[in-house]
N, C-alpha and C. Protein backbone atom coordinates (compact mmCIF):
# COMPACT_ATOMS: atom_id res chain seq x y z
N MET A 1 107.63 110.23 91.53
CA MET A 1 109.09 110.12 91.48
C MET A 1 109.45 108.78 90.86
N ASN A 2 110.36 108.81 89.95
CA ASN A 2 110.84 107.53 89.27
C ASN A 2 111.56 106.68 90.26
N ASN A 3 111.13 105.44 90.47
CA ASN A 3 111.76 104.60 91.43
C ASN A 3 113.27 104.41 91.27
N GLU A 4 113.73 104.32 90.00
CA GLU A 4 115.11 104.04 89.73
C GLU A 4 116.01 105.26 90.07
N LYS A 5 115.45 106.42 90.17
CA LYS A 5 116.20 107.64 90.45
C LYS A 5 116.36 107.84 91.92
N ILE A 6 115.72 107.08 92.77
CA ILE A 6 115.81 107.25 94.19
C ILE A 6 117.07 106.60 94.72
N LYS A 7 118.01 107.43 95.13
CA LYS A 7 119.31 106.89 95.60
C LYS A 7 119.28 106.77 97.15
N ILE A 8 119.70 105.63 97.62
CA ILE A 8 119.68 105.36 99.04
C ILE A 8 121.04 105.26 99.67
N ALA A 9 121.24 105.96 100.80
CA ALA A 9 122.40 105.79 101.63
C ALA A 9 122.10 104.69 102.64
N ILE A 10 122.89 103.66 102.65
CA ILE A 10 122.76 102.55 103.62
C ILE A 10 123.85 102.67 104.64
N ILE A 11 123.47 102.87 105.88
CA ILE A 11 124.40 103.09 106.98
C ILE A 11 124.55 101.82 107.77
N MET A 12 125.80 101.27 107.92
CA MET A 12 126.06 100.08 108.65
C MET A 12 127.13 100.37 109.69
N PRO A 13 126.75 100.52 110.97
CA PRO A 13 127.75 100.60 112.05
C PRO A 13 128.34 99.19 112.27
N ALA A 14 129.58 99.10 112.52
CA ALA A 14 130.24 97.82 112.67
C ALA A 14 131.18 97.86 113.87
N TYR A 15 131.10 96.90 114.71
CA TYR A 15 132.00 96.73 115.84
C TYR A 15 132.18 95.23 116.21
N ASN A 16 133.41 94.78 116.02
CA ASN A 16 133.70 93.40 116.40
C ASN A 16 132.72 92.42 115.82
N CYS A 17 132.55 92.40 114.54
CA CYS A 17 131.53 91.62 113.86
C CYS A 17 132.12 90.69 112.82
N GLU A 18 133.28 90.19 113.03
CA GLU A 18 134.00 89.40 112.07
C GLU A 18 133.18 88.14 111.64
N GLY A 19 132.34 87.67 112.54
CA GLY A 19 131.57 86.43 112.22
C GLY A 19 130.30 86.71 111.40
N THR A 20 129.88 87.94 111.23
CA THR A 20 128.57 88.25 110.62
C THR A 20 128.61 89.25 109.46
N ILE A 21 129.64 90.07 109.42
CA ILE A 21 129.57 91.21 108.55
C ILE A 21 129.62 90.89 107.08
N LYS A 22 130.32 89.80 106.73
CA LYS A 22 130.33 89.38 105.29
C LYS A 22 128.92 89.09 104.77
N LYS A 23 128.10 88.37 105.57
CA LYS A 23 126.74 88.02 105.17
C LYS A 23 125.90 89.29 105.13
N SER A 24 126.13 90.20 106.06
CA SER A 24 125.32 91.41 106.05
C SER A 24 125.64 92.24 104.83
N ILE A 25 126.87 92.38 104.44
CA ILE A 25 127.28 93.11 103.26
C ILE A 25 126.71 92.43 101.99
N LEU A 26 126.82 91.13 101.94
CA LEU A 26 126.28 90.41 100.81
C LEU A 26 124.79 90.57 100.66
N SER A 27 124.05 90.68 101.76
CA SER A 27 122.59 90.89 101.64
C SER A 27 122.26 92.27 101.12
N VAL A 28 123.18 93.19 101.24
CA VAL A 28 123.02 94.53 100.57
C VAL A 28 123.38 94.38 99.12
N ILE A 29 124.52 93.79 98.83
CA ILE A 29 124.99 93.66 97.45
C ILE A 29 123.94 92.90 96.58
N ASN A 30 123.29 91.94 97.17
CA ASN A 30 122.31 91.13 96.44
C ASN A 30 120.93 91.74 96.32
N GLN A 31 120.74 93.01 96.69
CA GLN A 31 119.45 93.64 96.55
C GLN A 31 119.04 93.73 95.09
N THR A 32 117.74 93.49 94.81
CA THR A 32 117.23 93.65 93.48
C THR A 32 117.18 95.13 93.08
N TYR A 33 117.03 96.02 94.04
CA TYR A 33 117.13 97.48 93.81
C TYR A 33 118.57 97.86 93.97
N THR A 34 119.16 98.47 92.94
CA THR A 34 120.59 98.66 92.97
C THR A 34 121.11 100.10 93.09
N ASN A 35 120.20 101.08 93.18
CA ASN A 35 120.64 102.48 93.30
C ASN A 35 120.86 102.86 94.79
N TRP A 36 121.98 102.40 95.26
CA TRP A 36 122.31 102.61 96.65
C TRP A 36 123.84 102.79 96.84
N HIS A 37 124.20 103.28 98.00
CA HIS A 37 125.62 103.35 98.39
C HIS A 37 125.66 102.95 99.84
N LEU A 38 126.60 101.99 100.13
CA LEU A 38 126.74 101.48 101.49
C LEU A 38 127.89 102.16 102.19
N TYR A 39 127.58 102.72 103.35
CA TYR A 39 128.64 103.35 104.24
C TYR A 39 128.80 102.46 105.45
N ILE A 40 129.98 101.85 105.54
CA ILE A 40 130.25 100.97 106.72
C ILE A 40 131.20 101.79 107.65
N ILE A 41 130.73 102.01 108.86
CA ILE A 41 131.45 102.75 109.84
C ILE A 41 132.02 101.78 110.85
N ASN A 42 133.33 101.51 110.76
CA ASN A 42 134.03 100.62 111.64
C ASN A 42 134.42 101.33 112.95
N ASP A 43 133.73 100.97 114.01
CA ASP A 43 133.84 101.64 115.27
C ASP A 43 135.00 101.10 116.17
N CYS A 44 136.20 101.10 115.63
CA CYS A 44 137.40 100.68 116.41
C CYS A 44 137.36 99.19 116.76
N SER A 45 136.94 98.36 115.86
CA SER A 45 136.90 96.94 116.07
C SER A 45 138.25 96.46 116.43
N VAL A 46 138.30 95.49 117.39
CA VAL A 46 139.62 94.86 117.78
C VAL A 46 139.73 93.42 117.31
N ASP A 47 138.70 92.92 116.62
CA ASP A 47 138.81 91.57 116.06
C ASP A 47 139.26 91.72 114.58
N ASN A 48 138.88 90.81 113.76
CA ASN A 48 139.29 90.84 112.32
C ASN A 48 138.38 91.57 111.40
N THR A 49 137.47 92.39 111.94
CA THR A 49 136.50 93.15 111.08
C THR A 49 137.28 94.04 110.06
N SER A 50 138.32 94.73 110.48
CA SER A 50 139.01 95.60 109.58
C SER A 50 139.66 94.80 108.45
N ILE A 51 140.19 93.65 108.74
CA ILE A 51 140.82 92.78 107.70
C ILE A 51 139.73 92.36 106.67
N ILE A 52 138.57 91.95 107.17
CA ILE A 52 137.45 91.55 106.33
C ILE A 52 137.05 92.72 105.38
N LEU A 53 136.99 93.91 105.99
CA LEU A 53 136.52 95.09 105.18
C LEU A 53 137.50 95.45 104.09
N GLU A 54 138.74 95.09 104.20
CA GLU A 54 139.73 95.33 103.15
C GLU A 54 139.26 94.79 101.78
N ASP A 55 138.51 93.68 101.76
CA ASP A 55 137.98 93.09 100.55
C ASP A 55 137.03 93.98 99.78
N TYR A 56 136.53 95.02 100.47
CA TYR A 56 135.50 95.90 99.94
C TYR A 56 136.03 97.34 99.54
N PHE A 57 137.29 97.61 99.76
CA PHE A 57 137.82 98.93 99.55
C PHE A 57 137.67 99.33 98.05
N LEU A 58 137.77 98.40 97.16
CA LEU A 58 137.72 98.77 95.72
C LEU A 58 136.31 98.77 95.10
N ASN A 59 135.33 98.44 95.93
CA ASN A 59 133.96 98.45 95.46
C ASN A 59 133.46 99.90 95.49
N ASP A 60 133.11 100.44 94.30
CA ASP A 60 132.74 101.88 94.23
C ASP A 60 131.30 102.12 94.84
N LYS A 61 130.61 101.10 95.25
CA LYS A 61 129.33 101.25 95.85
C LYS A 61 129.41 101.26 97.42
N ILE A 62 130.63 101.02 97.89
CA ILE A 62 130.87 100.88 99.30
C ILE A 62 131.93 101.87 99.77
N THR A 63 131.64 102.58 100.83
CA THR A 63 132.64 103.50 101.50
C THR A 63 132.87 102.97 102.91
N ILE A 64 134.10 102.72 103.22
CA ILE A 64 134.45 102.29 104.55
C ILE A 64 135.09 103.44 105.38
N ILE A 65 134.50 103.71 106.51
CA ILE A 65 134.89 104.82 107.35
C ILE A 65 135.46 104.21 108.64
N GLU A 66 136.60 104.63 109.05
CA GLU A 66 137.25 104.13 110.26
C GLU A 66 137.14 105.18 111.32
N ASN A 67 136.42 104.93 112.40
CA ASN A 67 136.33 105.87 113.55
C ASN A 67 137.71 105.90 114.24
N GLU A 68 138.13 107.07 114.69
CA GLU A 68 139.41 107.19 115.36
C GLU A 68 139.22 106.80 116.88
N GLU A 69 138.02 106.90 117.39
CA GLU A 69 137.71 106.40 118.73
C GLU A 69 136.37 105.72 118.69
N ASN A 70 136.11 104.88 119.70
CA ASN A 70 134.85 104.15 119.75
C ASN A 70 133.74 105.17 120.14
N ILE A 71 132.73 105.30 119.30
CA ILE A 71 131.61 106.23 119.57
C ILE A 71 130.30 105.55 119.64
N GLY A 72 130.26 104.19 119.57
CA GLY A 72 129.01 103.49 119.70
C GLY A 72 128.23 103.44 118.41
N ALA A 73 127.19 102.64 118.47
CA ALA A 73 126.32 102.47 117.30
C ALA A 73 125.63 103.73 116.88
N ALA A 74 125.02 104.44 117.89
CA ALA A 74 124.38 105.71 117.57
C ALA A 74 125.32 106.76 116.95
N GLY A 75 126.47 106.91 117.55
CA GLY A 75 127.45 107.84 117.03
C GLY A 75 127.92 107.42 115.65
N SER A 76 128.07 106.13 115.42
CA SER A 76 128.49 105.67 114.05
C SER A 76 127.41 105.91 113.03
N ARG A 77 126.12 105.71 113.44
CA ARG A 77 125.03 105.97 112.53
C ARG A 77 125.01 107.49 112.20
N ASN A 78 125.21 108.32 113.19
CA ASN A 78 125.24 109.76 112.92
C ASN A 78 126.38 110.14 111.95
N ARG A 79 127.50 109.53 112.18
CA ARG A 79 128.63 109.82 111.24
C ARG A 79 128.29 109.42 109.84
N GLY A 80 127.65 108.24 109.67
CA GLY A 80 127.24 107.84 108.36
C GLY A 80 126.20 108.75 107.72
N ILE A 81 125.30 109.22 108.56
CA ILE A 81 124.27 110.15 108.08
C ILE A 81 124.96 111.42 107.57
N THR A 82 125.86 111.94 108.45
CA THR A 82 126.61 113.20 108.11
C THR A 82 127.43 113.08 106.83
N LEU A 83 128.12 111.95 106.68
CA LEU A 83 129.03 111.82 105.49
C LEU A 83 128.29 111.38 104.21
N SER A 84 127.15 110.90 104.31
CA SER A 84 126.38 110.48 103.13
C SER A 84 125.64 111.68 102.55
N THR A 85 125.25 111.59 101.28
CA THR A 85 124.59 112.68 100.61
C THR A 85 123.24 112.29 100.01
N GLU A 86 122.98 111.01 99.97
CA GLU A 86 121.80 110.48 99.26
C GLU A 86 120.54 110.97 100.00
N PRO A 87 119.44 111.17 99.27
CA PRO A 87 118.21 111.71 99.83
C PRO A 87 117.39 110.73 100.69
N VAL A 88 117.69 109.49 100.56
CA VAL A 88 116.96 108.44 101.36
C VAL A 88 117.95 107.68 102.18
N ILE A 89 117.55 107.32 103.40
CA ILE A 89 118.52 106.66 104.33
C ILE A 89 117.83 105.35 104.80
N ALA A 90 118.69 104.30 104.81
CA ALA A 90 118.35 103.02 105.37
C ALA A 90 119.46 102.60 106.32
N PHE A 91 119.15 101.73 107.25
CA PHE A 91 120.14 101.24 108.20
C PHE A 91 120.20 99.71 108.11
N ILE A 92 121.37 99.14 108.27
CA ILE A 92 121.46 97.74 108.48
C ILE A 92 122.64 97.54 109.48
N ASP A 93 122.37 96.73 110.46
CA ASP A 93 123.44 96.42 111.42
C ASP A 93 124.34 95.32 110.89
N SER A 94 125.50 95.23 111.36
CA SER A 94 126.48 94.29 110.82
C SER A 94 126.24 92.84 111.17
N ASP A 95 125.21 92.60 111.93
CA ASP A 95 124.75 91.23 112.17
C ASP A 95 123.35 90.92 111.68
N ASP A 96 122.84 91.80 110.76
CA ASP A 96 121.50 91.62 110.21
C ASP A 96 121.57 91.25 108.76
N LEU A 97 120.51 90.67 108.25
CA LEU A 97 120.39 90.28 106.84
C LEU A 97 119.13 90.87 106.24
N TRP A 98 119.14 91.27 104.99
CA TRP A 98 117.97 91.80 104.34
C TRP A 98 117.48 90.74 103.32
N ASN A 99 116.17 90.67 103.16
CA ASN A 99 115.52 89.98 102.10
C ASN A 99 115.95 90.69 100.80
N GLU A 100 116.19 90.02 99.71
CA GLU A 100 116.71 90.59 98.49
C GLU A 100 115.79 91.69 97.89
N ASN A 101 114.52 91.65 98.23
CA ASN A 101 113.57 92.71 97.69
C ASN A 101 113.27 93.82 98.64
N LYS A 102 113.99 93.86 99.82
CA LYS A 102 113.69 94.81 100.84
C LYS A 102 113.65 96.22 100.32
N LEU A 103 114.77 96.69 99.68
CA LEU A 103 114.84 98.07 99.24
C LEU A 103 113.82 98.34 98.11
N LEU A 104 113.66 97.37 97.21
CA LEU A 104 112.71 97.57 96.11
C LEU A 104 111.30 97.84 96.63
N LEU A 105 110.87 97.06 97.58
CA LEU A 105 109.49 97.22 98.15
C LEU A 105 109.39 98.57 98.90
N GLN A 106 110.46 98.98 99.61
CA GLN A 106 110.38 100.25 100.33
C GLN A 106 110.42 101.41 99.35
N VAL A 107 111.21 101.31 98.30
CA VAL A 107 111.31 102.41 97.30
C VAL A 107 109.98 102.58 96.58
N GLU A 108 109.30 101.51 96.38
CA GLU A 108 107.90 101.62 95.77
C GLU A 108 107.01 102.45 96.65
N GLU A 109 107.15 102.36 97.98
CA GLU A 109 106.34 103.16 98.91
C GLU A 109 106.82 104.62 98.93
N ILE A 110 108.13 104.83 98.82
CA ILE A 110 108.70 106.21 98.77
C ILE A 110 108.11 106.91 97.47
N ALA A 111 108.12 106.19 96.37
CA ALA A 111 107.63 106.70 95.11
C ALA A 111 106.13 107.13 95.17
N LYS A 112 105.43 106.47 96.05
CA LYS A 112 103.99 106.82 96.24
C LYS A 112 103.81 108.01 97.17
N GLY A 113 104.91 108.50 97.75
CA GLY A 113 104.82 109.64 98.61
C GLY A 113 105.08 109.40 100.09
N GLU A 114 105.28 108.16 100.45
CA GLU A 114 105.57 107.84 101.85
C GLU A 114 106.99 108.45 102.20
N LYS A 115 107.17 108.80 103.46
CA LYS A 115 108.47 109.39 103.85
C LYS A 115 109.21 108.58 104.92
N PHE A 116 108.51 107.65 105.55
CA PHE A 116 109.07 106.90 106.68
C PHE A 116 108.44 105.57 106.65
N ILE A 117 109.28 104.51 106.40
CA ILE A 117 108.73 103.13 106.22
C ILE A 117 109.46 102.19 107.14
N ILE A 118 108.62 101.43 107.90
CA ILE A 118 109.12 100.36 108.77
C ILE A 118 108.48 99.05 108.23
N THR A 119 109.28 98.01 108.03
CA THR A 119 108.71 96.76 107.55
C THR A 119 108.70 95.68 108.60
N ASP A 120 107.98 94.60 108.27
CA ASP A 120 108.06 93.42 109.05
C ASP A 120 109.49 92.91 108.98
N TYR A 121 109.88 91.99 109.91
CA TYR A 121 111.18 91.42 109.82
C TYR A 121 111.26 90.13 110.63
N ASP A 122 112.32 89.41 110.36
CA ASP A 122 112.63 88.19 111.14
C ASP A 122 113.90 88.48 111.97
N TYR A 123 113.97 87.80 113.08
CA TYR A 123 115.20 87.91 113.82
C TYR A 123 115.59 86.50 114.42
N ILE A 124 116.85 86.34 114.64
CA ILE A 124 117.36 85.05 115.18
C ILE A 124 117.72 85.23 116.62
N GLU A 125 117.16 84.44 117.47
CA GLU A 125 117.52 84.42 118.88
C GLU A 125 118.96 83.80 119.03
N GLN A 126 119.87 84.61 119.51
CA GLN A 126 121.28 84.17 119.52
C GLN A 126 121.50 82.87 120.28
N SER A 127 120.86 82.74 121.44
CA SER A 127 121.18 81.62 122.28
C SER A 127 120.60 80.25 121.69
N THR A 128 119.48 80.31 121.02
CA THR A 128 118.83 79.14 120.52
C THR A 128 118.92 78.99 119.03
N GLN A 129 119.28 80.08 118.33
CA GLN A 129 119.34 80.12 116.87
C GLN A 129 117.97 79.92 116.24
N ARG A 130 116.89 80.12 117.03
CA ARG A 130 115.48 80.09 116.51
C ARG A 130 115.17 81.32 115.79
N THR A 131 114.40 81.24 114.71
CA THR A 131 114.03 82.44 113.97
C THR A 131 112.58 82.82 114.35
N PHE A 132 112.37 84.10 114.60
CA PHE A 132 111.08 84.62 114.94
C PHE A 132 110.66 85.71 113.96
N SER A 133 109.38 85.72 113.55
CA SER A 133 108.91 86.75 112.66
C SER A 133 108.17 87.81 113.45
N VAL A 134 108.41 89.05 113.07
CA VAL A 134 107.70 90.18 113.70
C VAL A 134 106.92 90.86 112.59
N SER A 135 105.58 90.85 112.77
CA SER A 135 104.67 91.45 111.80
C SER A 135 103.71 92.32 112.51
N TRP A 136 103.38 93.46 111.85
CA TRP A 136 102.54 94.44 112.49
C TRP A 136 101.04 94.13 112.38
N GLY A 137 100.66 93.41 111.30
CA GLY A 137 99.26 93.06 111.13
C GLY A 137 98.41 94.18 110.59
N LYS A 138 99.05 95.31 110.29
CA LYS A 138 98.28 96.41 109.65
C LYS A 138 99.25 97.21 108.80
N LYS A 139 98.66 98.02 107.91
CA LYS A 139 99.50 98.75 106.95
C LYS A 139 100.26 99.90 107.55
N TYR A 140 99.64 100.64 108.42
CA TYR A 140 100.31 101.81 109.01
C TYR A 140 100.46 101.77 110.50
N LEU A 141 101.60 102.15 111.03
CA LEU A 141 101.83 102.26 112.41
C LEU A 141 101.78 103.72 112.77
N THR A 142 101.13 104.04 113.88
CA THR A 142 100.96 105.39 114.28
C THR A 142 101.88 105.77 115.42
N GLU A 143 102.00 107.10 115.66
CA GLU A 143 102.74 107.59 116.79
C GLU A 143 102.19 106.98 118.09
N LYS A 144 100.88 106.87 118.17
CA LYS A 144 100.23 106.33 119.34
C LYS A 144 100.63 104.88 119.56
N ASP A 145 100.66 104.10 118.49
CA ASP A 145 101.15 102.68 118.57
C ASP A 145 102.54 102.68 119.13
N PHE A 146 103.39 103.59 118.64
CA PHE A 146 104.77 103.61 119.03
C PHE A 146 104.89 103.92 120.58
N LEU A 147 104.14 104.97 121.00
CA LEU A 147 104.19 105.38 122.39
C LEU A 147 103.67 104.33 123.34
N LYS A 148 102.67 103.58 122.89
CA LYS A 148 102.11 102.48 123.67
C LYS A 148 102.95 101.21 123.58
N LYS A 149 104.04 101.28 122.86
CA LYS A 149 104.92 100.13 122.64
C LYS A 149 104.21 98.92 122.10
N LYS A 150 103.33 99.18 121.11
CA LYS A 150 102.58 98.10 120.44
C LYS A 150 103.39 97.40 119.40
N PHE A 151 104.61 97.82 119.16
CA PHE A 151 105.43 97.13 118.18
C PHE A 151 106.90 97.33 118.57
N ARG A 152 107.75 96.46 118.07
CA ARG A 152 109.17 96.51 118.30
C ARG A 152 109.83 96.81 116.98
N VAL A 153 110.71 97.79 116.94
CA VAL A 153 111.30 98.19 115.68
C VAL A 153 112.78 97.67 115.61
N CYS A 154 113.10 97.12 114.49
CA CYS A 154 114.52 96.71 114.19
C CYS A 154 115.01 97.81 113.23
N PHE A 155 116.08 98.42 113.58
CA PHE A 155 116.59 99.56 112.69
C PHE A 155 116.88 99.08 111.26
N SER A 156 117.19 97.81 111.08
CA SER A 156 117.42 97.33 109.72
C SER A 156 116.15 97.26 108.87
N SER A 157 114.99 97.47 109.50
CA SER A 157 113.73 97.45 108.75
C SER A 157 113.31 98.86 108.33
N LEU A 158 114.02 99.90 108.74
CA LEU A 158 113.69 101.29 108.56
C LEU A 158 114.24 101.93 107.30
N LEU A 159 113.47 102.75 106.63
CA LEU A 159 113.91 103.56 105.48
C LEU A 159 113.15 104.85 105.56
N TYR A 160 113.85 105.99 105.40
CA TYR A 160 113.18 107.27 105.49
C TYR A 160 113.84 108.32 104.63
N ILE A 161 113.06 109.36 104.31
CA ILE A 161 113.55 110.52 103.61
C ILE A 161 114.46 111.32 104.52
N ARG A 162 115.65 111.73 104.01
CA ARG A 162 116.60 112.45 104.84
C ARG A 162 115.93 113.64 105.57
N CYS A 163 116.31 113.79 106.78
CA CYS A 163 115.87 115.00 107.58
C CYS A 163 117.06 115.40 108.48
N GLU A 164 116.79 116.33 109.33
CA GLU A 164 117.87 116.82 110.17
C GLU A 164 118.08 115.96 111.45
N ASN A 165 117.15 115.01 111.67
CA ASN A 165 117.24 114.24 112.93
C ASN A 165 118.45 113.34 112.89
N GLN A 166 119.08 113.24 114.08
CA GLN A 166 120.17 112.31 114.25
C GLN A 166 119.97 111.65 115.61
N PHE A 167 120.77 110.64 115.90
CA PHE A 167 120.68 109.96 117.15
C PHE A 167 121.25 110.80 118.28
N LYS A 168 120.55 110.91 119.32
CA LYS A 168 121.03 111.69 120.49
C LYS A 168 121.93 110.81 121.33
N LYS A 169 122.93 111.38 122.00
CA LYS A 169 123.82 110.64 122.82
C LYS A 169 123.23 110.57 124.22
N ILE A 170 122.14 109.84 124.37
CA ILE A 170 121.47 109.59 125.64
C ILE A 170 121.06 108.13 125.66
N GLY A 171 120.64 107.68 126.79
CA GLY A 171 120.13 106.27 126.84
C GLY A 171 118.93 106.13 125.94
N HIS A 172 118.76 104.96 125.41
CA HIS A 172 117.68 104.66 124.53
C HIS A 172 117.61 105.57 123.31
N GLU A 173 118.78 105.86 122.68
CA GLU A 173 118.82 106.75 121.59
C GLU A 173 117.94 106.27 120.41
N ASP A 174 117.73 104.99 120.23
CA ASP A 174 116.93 104.46 119.16
C ASP A 174 115.45 104.86 119.41
N PHE A 175 114.97 104.80 120.65
CA PHE A 175 113.62 105.17 120.97
C PHE A 175 113.38 106.65 120.66
N VAL A 176 114.29 107.48 121.10
CA VAL A 176 114.17 108.94 120.88
C VAL A 176 114.24 109.25 119.41
N PHE A 177 115.13 108.64 118.66
CA PHE A 177 115.21 108.87 117.21
C PHE A 177 113.96 108.54 116.51
N LEU A 178 113.40 107.36 116.81
CA LEU A 178 112.16 106.90 116.15
C LEU A 178 111.00 107.84 116.56
N PHE A 179 110.88 108.26 117.82
CA PHE A 179 109.87 109.17 118.26
C PHE A 179 109.92 110.47 117.44
N GLU A 180 111.15 110.97 117.23
CA GLU A 180 111.27 112.19 116.44
C GLU A 180 110.85 112.02 114.99
N LEU A 181 111.13 110.82 114.44
CA LEU A 181 110.62 110.56 113.02
C LEU A 181 109.13 110.46 113.03
N PHE A 182 108.52 109.85 113.98
CA PHE A 182 107.07 109.80 114.02
C PHE A 182 106.49 111.18 114.17
N LYS A 183 107.08 112.04 114.99
CA LYS A 183 106.61 113.41 115.15
C LYS A 183 106.75 114.17 113.85
N LEU A 184 107.79 113.94 113.11
CA LEU A 184 108.06 114.64 111.85
C LEU A 184 107.20 114.14 110.74
N TYR A 185 107.04 112.83 110.55
CA TYR A 185 106.40 112.29 109.40
C TYR A 185 105.04 111.69 109.62
N GLY A 186 104.63 111.49 110.92
CA GLY A 186 103.37 110.91 111.17
C GLY A 186 103.44 109.38 111.10
N ASP A 187 102.45 108.73 110.49
CA ASP A 187 102.42 107.29 110.42
C ASP A 187 103.58 106.72 109.57
N ALA A 188 103.91 105.47 109.91
CA ALA A 188 105.02 104.79 109.19
C ALA A 188 104.43 103.57 108.49
């Protein structure tokens, strides 16, 4: 598969994120891989998130969706999955940042035939502002690794080929969703 032909739907749930969402959007816009469309699902924010999003209404690579009622991050991700049409899906939360080559590196793996990719990532501890790196130390993660909780997944590090799976409206919806992807695709 030609890398440049792989179109990615990027799903960003947003709720009361006026302090972080601009940087998150910019980290998508600055990707070296450019064949993507960003779907921002504003989940009834009551801060200035909606005002900030007005700056992006005219960007043809960004669709802003306003939920009529608060449905949570999982519901907003599902709404983005349902409204998008691209064959590959990535997630970014409104307080996360991507390395500029994140999509390019993952698309290279999709082009090789991989269907479900989880990458290493960094995160910032909110209370201390310290940055921590999370690295798996091996190329593939297995369903067994997942079930034994040998790694922690950040949804913003995930990219996968579209399937019928969506987030279930139960506790720990992220765990269930990832488990279903491992069952469907095997190693990540």
